[in-house]
Amino acid sequence: MPRISQWGVEVDVDIDVDVAEFYSDCSDKEKKELAQYLVEDGFIPGYSEEVGQDNLMDETYKEALNKLYSKRTYLTLEEEQFLINLANKY
C-alpha cells in the first residue's frame, strides 16, 4: 500500500485501480514493459528474457507440433485420438 508524506505526516493510501481500464490505456511500449515485469516476477513461466521472442524450447515444441500436423495422415487412429484428447484436456 502506498504511503504519502506531507507536512511531516505519513498517511496510508488505498487506491482502487480497474486493471482492464489501466491496461487498455497503456501504449504498446508500456504493455511490453508490463509483460517484462510479469516475466521477471515469474508470473509468465517459460517465456524467454526478451518478451515476444520464443526460446529454444518453444521453437522445438512448435516444430514438433508442425511435424505432427503435416504427417497426420500417417498417424494411427489411436495416436490421432490421443492427441485430440490431450488438446481437449487443456
N, C-alpha and C. Protein backbone atom coordinates (compact mmCIF):
# COMPACT_ATOMS: atom_id res chain seq x y z
N MET A 1 0.85 -1.17 0.00
CA MET A 1 0.00 0.00 0.00
C MET A 1 0.90 1.24 0.00
N PRO A 2 0.64 2.18 -0.89
CA PRO A 2 1.47 3.39 -0.94
C PRO A 2 1.33 4.24 0.32
N ARG A 3 2.40 4.93 0.63
CA ARG A 3 2.38 5.88 1.75
C ARG A 3 2.70 7.27 1.20
N ILE A 4 1.94 8.23 1.66
CA ILE A 4 2.14 9.62 1.26
C ILE A 4 2.56 10.40 2.49
N SER A 5 3.60 11.20 2.31
CA SER A 5 4.08 12.02 3.42
C SER A 5 3.97 13.49 3.01
N GLN A 6 3.20 14.23 3.78
CA GLN A 6 3.06 15.66 3.52
C GLN A 6 3.02 16.38 4.85
N TRP A 7 3.78 17.44 4.94
CA TRP A 7 3.90 18.25 6.16
C TRP A 7 4.32 17.40 7.36
N GLY A 8 5.16 16.40 7.07
CA GLY A 8 5.69 15.56 8.13
C GLY A 8 4.73 14.49 8.63
N VAL A 9 3.60 14.33 7.98
CA VAL A 9 2.61 13.33 8.38
C VAL A 9 2.53 12.26 7.29
N GLU A 10 2.73 10.99 7.70
CA GLU A 10 2.62 9.89 6.74
C GLU A 10 1.23 9.27 6.82
N VAL A 11 0.64 9.05 5.65
CA VAL A 11 -0.71 8.52 5.58
C VAL A 11 -0.72 7.34 4.61
N ASP A 12 -1.35 6.22 5.01
CA ASP A 12 -1.53 5.09 4.10
C ASP A 12 -2.67 5.43 3.15
N VAL A 13 -2.46 5.10 1.87
CA VAL A 13 -3.46 5.40 0.85
C VAL A 13 -3.85 4.12 0.15
N ASP A 14 -5.14 3.87 0.03
CA ASP A 14 -5.64 2.70 -0.68
C ASP A 14 -6.24 3.19 -1.99
N ILE A 15 -5.65 2.75 -3.11
CA ILE A 15 -6.09 3.20 -4.42
C ILE A 15 -6.74 2.03 -5.16
N ASP A 16 -7.96 2.21 -5.63
CA ASP A 16 -8.67 1.18 -6.38
C ASP A 16 -8.46 1.44 -7.86
N VAL A 17 -7.76 0.52 -8.54
CA VAL A 17 -7.47 0.68 -9.96
C VAL A 17 -8.18 -0.42 -10.74
N ASP A 18 -8.92 -0.04 -11.77
CA ASP A 18 -9.53 -1.01 -12.67
C ASP A 18 -8.44 -1.48 -13.62
N VAL A 19 -8.01 -2.72 -13.44
CA VAL A 19 -6.87 -3.24 -14.20
C VAL A 19 -7.14 -3.23 -15.70
N ALA A 20 -8.33 -3.61 -16.11
CA ALA A 20 -8.66 -3.64 -17.54
C ALA A 20 -8.60 -2.24 -18.15
N GLU A 21 -9.10 -1.26 -17.42
CA GLU A 21 -9.06 0.12 -17.90
C GLU A 21 -7.62 0.63 -17.96
N PHE A 22 -6.85 0.31 -16.92
CA PHE A 22 -5.44 0.71 -16.89
C PHE A 22 -4.70 0.12 -18.08
N TYR A 23 -4.90 -1.18 -18.32
CA TYR A 23 -4.20 -1.87 -19.41
C TYR A 23 -4.59 -1.29 -20.77
N SER A 24 -5.87 -1.03 -20.96
CA SER A 24 -6.32 -0.51 -22.26
C SER A 24 -5.79 0.90 -22.52
N ASP A 25 -5.47 1.63 -21.46
CA ASP A 25 -4.91 2.97 -21.62
C ASP A 25 -3.40 2.97 -21.86
N CYS A 26 -2.76 1.82 -21.70
CA CYS A 26 -1.31 1.74 -21.89
C CYS A 26 -0.95 1.71 -23.38
N SER A 27 0.21 2.28 -23.70
CA SER A 27 0.73 2.20 -25.06
C SER A 27 1.33 0.81 -25.27
N ASP A 28 1.65 0.47 -26.51
CA ASP A 28 2.28 -0.82 -26.79
C ASP A 28 3.60 -0.96 -26.03
N LYS A 29 4.37 0.12 -25.97
CA LYS A 29 5.64 0.11 -25.24
C LYS A 29 5.41 -0.18 -23.75
N GLU A 30 4.39 0.45 -23.18
CA GLU A 30 4.10 0.24 -21.75
C GLU A 30 3.60 -1.19 -21.50
N LYS A 31 2.82 -1.74 -22.45
CA LYS A 31 2.35 -3.12 -22.31
C LYS A 31 3.52 -4.10 -22.36
N LYS A 32 4.48 -3.85 -23.24
CA LYS A 32 5.66 -4.72 -23.31
C LYS A 32 6.47 -4.62 -22.03
N GLU A 33 6.58 -3.43 -21.48
CA GLU A 33 7.30 -3.24 -20.23
C GLU A 33 6.58 -3.98 -19.09
N LEU A 34 5.27 -3.89 -19.05
CA LEU A 34 4.49 -4.60 -18.05
C LEU A 34 4.67 -6.11 -18.19
N ALA A 35 4.66 -6.59 -19.42
CA ALA A 35 4.86 -8.02 -19.66
C ALA A 35 6.24 -8.46 -19.18
N GLN A 36 7.25 -7.63 -19.39
CA GLN A 36 8.60 -7.95 -18.93
C GLN A 36 8.64 -8.07 -17.41
N TYR A 37 7.93 -7.18 -16.71
CA TYR A 37 7.86 -7.27 -15.24
C TYR A 37 7.22 -8.60 -14.82
N LEU A 38 6.16 -9.00 -15.53
CA LEU A 38 5.49 -10.26 -15.20
C LEU A 38 6.41 -11.46 -15.42
N VAL A 39 7.21 -11.42 -16.47
CA VAL A 39 8.18 -12.48 -16.73
C VAL A 39 9.22 -12.51 -15.62
N GLU A 40 9.77 -11.35 -15.29
CA GLU A 40 10.82 -11.27 -14.27
C GLU A 40 10.32 -11.73 -12.90
N ASP A 41 9.05 -11.47 -12.61
CA ASP A 41 8.48 -11.87 -11.32
C ASP A 41 7.97 -13.30 -11.32
N GLY A 42 8.08 -13.99 -12.46
CA GLY A 42 7.70 -15.40 -12.53
C GLY A 42 6.23 -15.66 -12.76
N PHE A 43 5.47 -14.66 -13.16
CA PHE A 43 4.05 -14.86 -13.41
C PHE A 43 3.79 -15.43 -14.79
N ILE A 44 4.78 -15.36 -15.69
CA ILE A 44 4.66 -15.93 -17.03
C ILE A 44 5.85 -16.87 -17.24
N PRO A 45 5.74 -18.11 -16.77
CA PRO A 45 6.85 -19.04 -16.91
C PRO A 45 7.01 -19.51 -18.34
N GLY A 46 8.24 -19.85 -18.69
CA GLY A 46 8.51 -20.43 -19.99
C GLY A 46 8.80 -19.44 -21.10
N TYR A 47 8.68 -18.18 -20.84
CA TYR A 47 8.99 -17.19 -21.86
C TYR A 47 10.46 -16.82 -21.77
N SER A 48 11.00 -16.42 -22.89
CA SER A 48 12.40 -16.02 -22.91
C SER A 48 12.54 -14.65 -22.26
N GLU A 49 13.77 -14.24 -22.04
CA GLU A 49 14.02 -12.94 -21.42
C GLU A 49 13.48 -11.80 -22.26
N GLU A 50 13.55 -11.94 -23.57
CA GLU A 50 13.04 -10.91 -24.47
C GLU A 50 11.58 -11.21 -24.75
N VAL A 51 10.68 -10.38 -24.29
CA VAL A 51 9.24 -10.61 -24.45
C VAL A 51 8.91 -10.64 -25.94
N GLY A 52 8.11 -11.63 -26.33
CA GLY A 52 7.70 -11.73 -27.72
C GLY A 52 8.57 -12.64 -28.55
N GLN A 53 9.70 -13.08 -28.03
CA GLN A 53 10.58 -13.98 -28.76
C GLN A 53 10.53 -15.36 -28.11
N ASP A 54 10.42 -16.40 -28.96
CA ASP A 54 10.38 -17.75 -28.45
C ASP A 54 11.77 -18.21 -28.06
N ASN A 55 11.83 -18.99 -26.98
CA ASN A 55 13.11 -19.57 -26.60
C ASN A 55 13.27 -20.89 -27.34
N LEU A 56 14.39 -21.56 -27.14
CA LEU A 56 14.70 -22.79 -27.86
C LEU A 56 13.65 -23.86 -27.59
N MET A 57 13.19 -23.98 -26.34
CA MET A 57 12.19 -24.98 -26.00
C MET A 57 10.88 -24.71 -26.75
N ASP A 58 10.47 -23.44 -26.85
CA ASP A 58 9.26 -23.09 -27.58
C ASP A 58 9.39 -23.44 -29.05
N GLU A 59 10.53 -23.13 -29.64
CA GLU A 59 10.77 -23.42 -31.06
C GLU A 59 10.72 -24.92 -31.31
N THR A 60 11.35 -25.70 -30.45
CA THR A 60 11.37 -27.16 -30.59
C THR A 60 9.95 -27.71 -30.50
N TYR A 61 9.18 -27.19 -29.56
CA TYR A 61 7.80 -27.62 -29.37
C TYR A 61 6.96 -27.31 -30.60
N LYS A 62 7.09 -26.11 -31.13
CA LYS A 62 6.32 -25.73 -32.32
C LYS A 62 6.70 -26.58 -33.52
N GLU A 63 7.99 -26.86 -33.69
CA GLU A 63 8.44 -27.69 -34.79
C GLU A 63 7.84 -29.09 -34.69
N ALA A 64 7.80 -29.64 -33.47
CA ALA A 64 7.23 -30.97 -33.27
C ALA A 64 5.75 -30.98 -33.61
N LEU A 65 5.02 -29.95 -33.18
CA LEU A 65 3.59 -29.88 -33.48
C LEU A 65 3.35 -29.72 -34.98
N ASN A 66 4.15 -28.90 -35.63
CA ASN A 66 4.00 -28.73 -37.08
C ASN A 66 4.30 -30.02 -37.83
N LYS A 67 5.29 -30.75 -37.36
CA LYS A 67 5.62 -32.03 -38.00
C LYS A 67 4.47 -33.02 -37.84
N LEU A 68 3.89 -33.09 -36.64
CA LEU A 68 2.74 -33.97 -36.43
C LEU A 68 1.57 -33.57 -37.32
N TYR A 69 1.35 -32.27 -37.45
CA TYR A 69 0.25 -31.79 -38.28
C TYR A 69 0.46 -32.16 -39.75
N SER A 70 1.68 -31.96 -40.23
CA SER A 70 1.95 -32.24 -41.64
C SER A 70 1.92 -33.74 -41.95
N LYS A 71 2.13 -34.58 -40.95
CA LYS A 71 2.15 -36.04 -41.15
C LYS A 71 0.94 -36.72 -40.52
N ARG A 72 -0.13 -35.97 -40.30
CA ARG A 72 -1.26 -36.53 -39.57
C ARG A 72 -1.91 -37.70 -40.29
N THR A 73 -1.79 -37.78 -41.62
CA THR A 73 -2.39 -38.91 -42.34
C THR A 73 -1.64 -40.21 -42.06
N TYR A 74 -0.42 -40.11 -41.53
CA TYR A 74 0.36 -41.30 -41.20
C TYR A 74 0.14 -41.79 -39.77
N LEU A 75 -0.60 -41.03 -38.98
CA LEU A 75 -0.86 -41.42 -37.60
C LEU A 75 -1.92 -42.51 -37.56
N THR A 76 -1.80 -43.38 -36.57
CA THR A 76 -2.87 -44.36 -36.36
C THR A 76 -4.06 -43.65 -35.74
N LEU A 77 -5.21 -44.28 -35.79
CA LEU A 77 -6.40 -43.68 -35.18
C LEU A 77 -6.19 -43.47 -33.68
N GLU A 78 -5.49 -44.40 -33.04
CA GLU A 78 -5.22 -44.28 -31.60
C GLU A 78 -4.32 -43.08 -31.31
N GLU A 79 -3.29 -42.89 -32.15
CA GLU A 79 -2.39 -41.75 -31.96
C GLU A 79 -3.13 -40.43 -32.18
N GLU A 80 -3.94 -40.40 -33.23
CA GLU A 80 -4.71 -39.19 -33.51
C GLU A 80 -5.68 -38.88 -32.38
N GLN A 81 -6.37 -39.91 -31.88
CA GLN A 81 -7.32 -39.71 -30.79
C GLN A 81 -6.60 -39.27 -29.52
N PHE A 82 -5.41 -39.82 -29.28
CA PHE A 82 -4.62 -39.41 -28.11
C PHE A 82 -4.31 -37.92 -28.17
N LEU A 83 -3.89 -37.45 -29.34
CA LEU A 83 -3.55 -36.02 -29.48
C LEU A 83 -4.79 -35.14 -29.32
N ILE A 84 -5.90 -35.58 -29.88
CA ILE A 84 -7.15 -34.82 -29.74
C ILE A 84 -7.56 -34.76 -28.28
N ASN A 85 -7.51 -35.89 -27.59
CA ASN A 85 -7.86 -35.91 -26.17
C ASN A 85 -6.92 -35.04 -25.34
N LEU A 86 -5.64 -35.07 -25.68
CA LEU A 86 -4.67 -34.24 -24.96
C LEU A 86 -4.98 -32.75 -25.15
N ALA A 87 -5.27 -32.37 -26.38
CA ALA A 87 -5.61 -30.96 -26.66
C ALA A 87 -6.90 -30.55 -25.95
N ASN A 88 -7.88 -31.43 -25.94
CA ASN A 88 -9.16 -31.11 -25.29
C ASN A 88 -9.02 -31.02 -23.77
N LYS A 89 -8.01 -31.67 -23.23
CA LYS A 89 -7.77 -31.62 -21.79
C LYS A 89 -7.47 -30.20 -21.33
N TYR A 90 -6.85 -29.41 -22.18
CA TYR A 90 -6.44 -28.06 -21.82
C TYR A 90 -7.30 -27.04 -22.53
